[in-house]
Amino acid sequence: MTDLGGFQDRVARIDLGAGDVGYESIDDEDARKYIGARGLGVKYVFDNGPDVEPLGEENLLAFMNGPLTGTQTPMSGRIAVVTKSPLTGTVTDSHHGGWSGARLKWAGFDGLLFEGQADEPVYAVVEDGEVELRDASHLWGEGIHHTIDTLEEEVDGAYGKNLSAMAIGPGGENGVRYACIINEDDRASGRGGTGAVMGSKNLKAVVVKSGTEMPKPADRETFMEGHKAAMQAIQESDVTAPNEGGLSVYGTNVLMNLTEEMDGLPTRNGRFTSTSMEAEEEPDEPNIDSEKVSGENVEENILVNDPTCHSCPVACKKEVEVDVHHKGQDLNVRMESYEYESAWALGPNSMTDDRDKVALLIDRCNDYGIDTIDSGNMLAFAMEAAEKGYLDEFDESLEWGDVDAMVEMLEKIAHRETDLADVLAEGQKRAADELDAHDCRLDVKGQSIAAYDPRGLKGMGIGYATSNRGACHLRGYTPAAEILGIPEKVDPTEWEGKGELTATFQDLHAISDSFDICKFNAFAEGVEEYIDQYNGMTGRSVGEEELMEAGERVYNLERYYNNLAGFDGEDESLP
């Protein structure tokens, strides 16, 4: 057990096959060595063994929060989902915002560990230190939006509608290897196929109900000093300042125009590094303008609200509403996730700049419970593969920028309805193997790249290659320095110093993911603010070096897991 502040010292271990729920304490040494959330989740998955089949009942699915989750710490509403990935075969952790992480803490838990496989579909209800399994057969086959609406009506308890529902859609149920878990309709644990693992366990949803009592700091004075400094840094940052900074005004999609201007935006399945470059090099081809799907364009034309996560002054979420015409139907779409990565993957990389239909594509991905980044990349992969003749054996195909066909293919992928959709549901590496189309791949370890082209952003290239969960912009976010100048501007086209920069960000993000707080804190705060809030909450007295070593320890444990699972240096290369 642990007596560290910020922990409830309670984890539920749910055996879905037996229908049993047990409760256990947090190991104190592990809490000190691996911090919490991502770090502790990785330790649980590591102890479960690296040889398990990702979609087998022996795989562990961990929902974890950290010692700062659900506190006054800015942006502390995150939750980590940790498991062995069916997409990459590595350990993976995927995080989402909103309120579920905070509510899990307030409901009396540091984590939920799901083992085995239920005989029939179930969902879990978490409330007041207890977990109950309920029948979900009536929800199996339903999309995310219907599922969450139903659960909000169906689940009653002492706290009324003060609940968060984390659910899977048809993508997870049908084992799409990049299926995700969606929280509160539009907030995704997007990468690595966590939704497919959840579906393999016949677990449709996890519903968390709670009051709002925050954990009390062990050393309130130290904690509040760190909190005050953190809030001041956030308010003074050009990136995070509430209602002024680029992230607050335009959301993550503020990066669309910035990355385009730096020739760092992959387009046409990464063939070019900006839409303007493509227009120059192929003037006779249909071209697009990434500005049409940028944060500035969205803010001016379709923004309707700025929802936020627990304890977040930034409010980077941008809720939009559009009316679109699709296949003879007039549709109204209102959703909260017009994010940079999503807009890029389903927009410029797939050769469309139709702002409103990109919103439809994102919303469909969310409802089906499939990752927008890998989904968009798979569509672009298929478009290039069709162009090169790799899809000639199939009775269907895709063409660049055909949004109606993209919408239809997403549905087919989520349900594995056709032979081609079944191949595309397997992810880039397996699809390339099946089609012998390796020259169309844009992945590392099977996971697709994100919206930063390593030809224009060298640090991101190192980050993709050395990420423990496959190509990922969030393992070591060097664009902070290469694009935004945080902590200082570096030349994005130069290799010098990028290895050390990447490693520093990798360790720093392992810390924030283990706290579990939003990475956007790092756009304003330094390790000093982290330390005071962590020490004040837990009652510890760690210094900067010790904290950074803990981040490195988490990263190295992930690498060790991957080594034991069969990965080596040959797997750390760019497409």
Foldseek 3Di string as FASTA:
>chain_A
DAPFFLALQWEWEAEQAVRDIDIGGDDHVQCQQQQWALSVLLVVQVVLALADQLLAQSKKWKKFAGSCALHLAAQRFKIWIWIQFLQQSFTDIFMWFAHARNLCVQQRHGMYIYGGAHPAAWEWEGHNRDIHIDHDNVPAQFWDVVVVVVCLVVDQDPQRSQKKKWFAALLLLQQLRQFWIDIPLAITSGGRRSSVNCNSRSYGMYMGHHDNDGTDWPANVLQVVLRVQLVVLQCPFLQQNAPHHPLLQQNQLQCQVLQQVLLWFQALLNPGSHQVVVCVVCVVDDGDHSVLQGSVNCSVPFFDDQDDGPSHRRSNWTWGWDWDAAPNDTDIDIDGDSHNQLCRLQDRRLGHSPNRLSSVLSSLCSRLRGRSNQLSSLLSLQQVCVVVPLCVVDPDGDHRHPSNVSSVLSVCLSNVPDPVSVLSSSAQPSSCVVSVPVVSAFKFSRTHATGTHCQSAVLLLQVQLLPLSIHDCQQFPCCLQPRVQVVHHDPRNDDPPSVVSRLQSNLVSSLCVRNVRDPVSSSRDDVSSVQSNSCRRGVDRDDPVSSSVSSVVSRVSSVVSVVSSPDDSVSRHGD
